[in-house]
Amino acid sequence: MCVFCYMGSKSFLEKVAEIITDLKKYNPNLIYVKIHFYSKNNYVYVPQELLPLYRDVIVPLADIVTPNQFEAEKLSGISINNQDDALKAIECLHTKGVKVVVISSSDIGKEGNMLTLASTAKNGVRECYKIEFPMLDGRFVGTGDLFAACLLGWIHKSNSIKDAFEKTLSTMQSVIKRTLEHAQKLAGPGNKPTPAQMELRLVQSKSDIENPKDTFKAQLNRKTLSQSAQNQAATSLRNQLSGLENRHSSSGLLLDITRGGKRVRGCTYAQVTCAFILILVIMVTSAMMRYLERESGFKAISTHSVVLMHNSLNTSRGNMTHLSNFP
C-alpha cells in the first residue's frame, strides 16, 4: 500500500508518478491512495500550475481517491451543486481509472448536515453509497489524513466499501466530537478555541479508531453498469442473437428478432411446435378417413372429411405464414 499526501513541487510529483508506475509493474496488486491536494474553504494550497499534473497524471495512477467537494470539482472539472453533480464528478474520476472514489465532505446535504459519498468500480459495476452527518462547528486540522487512513485500513480488513465507509465516518465523528469538547473545555465558556487546542485527540480516541461504534449506516445511492460494461453486454447479446438466428435458419426455424431496426421474419419454437402437431393430426385423420372409405364404404362421409381436412391444412399453412410476422 502506498499513501500519497501533500506535495507542492512539480519535479517531486513527476518523480512520484514515475515511482508508482514502476512499483505497479513489479506488484500489480499495489494499492495507491491519493488523499487530496490540500484545500480548505475553497482555497487550494498547492500552486495552480500543479493542478493539471494532479488531475491528468497522479489521479489516473491512484486506486483510491478521497477529495472533498471543492477538490472533486477541480479534479473532474464539474461544478457540484447537488447529488447528481456529485455523481457525475465521481463517474468522471472512475473513467480516469480510479477504483474507489470517496467525496469525504460536501455541503449538498440537508440543512445543518454534510453529505459524503463513496463509490466503487469493480468488474464494470458502479456501486455508490451515501451518509449524511451533522455539521460540527469548528476548524480541524488533519481530518483528511485521518479519513483516508481509516478508509484504507477498513477496506483492507473487510474488503467491503459499505462497511469501510460506515466505520470510517463513525470514527471521524467520534474523534471530532471528542476534540471539540476538549477544546471548548480548555478555551473556557464563551471563548473560541485556538488551533492548538483543536489538535485532533487521536491517542485519546484509540478505541474508537480500532473498534468504532456503528453510528452511521450507509444508504445505497445508486448501482449501475459502467458505460463500457453496458456496451459490452449489448454487444454480447447481439452476438448471441445473431448466432441463434444463423443456427435456426439453417434448419428452417427462425427466431423473431430485430436487427438494425428491421424485423427478421421467423417464428418461435412454440409456434413451430403447435403448427407441426396440427399438421400431424390432420395427416393422421386424413389417412384414417381413407381407410374407412376403403374398408367400410363411407365414401360420402370420408370425402367430406378429407375436404375439411384439406381446408384445415391450407388454413394451417396460412397460419404459418402469419406466424412468421407474429411479434
Foldseek 3Di string as FASTA:
>chain_A
DAEDEEDQDPVVLVVVLVVLVVVCVVPVPDAYEYLFHDDDPLGGPHDPVCLCVCQQRVLLSHQEYAAAQNRLCSNQVFHDQEVVSVVNSVLSSVVSPHFKYKRPWDDRDPPQKIKIKIWGADPQKIWMWMWIDGDDPDDAPPLSVQLRVQLVVVCVVPVDNQVSVQLSVLLSVVQQVVLVVQQDVVQDPPGDGDRVSSYTPCVVSVCCSVPNDRPIGIDTPDMDGHPVVVVVVVVVVVVVLVVVQVVQVVVVAGDFDDDPNDTDFGADPVLVVVLVVLLVVLVVVLVVLVVCCVPPVPVVVSVVSNVVSVVVNVVSVVVRVVRRVPD
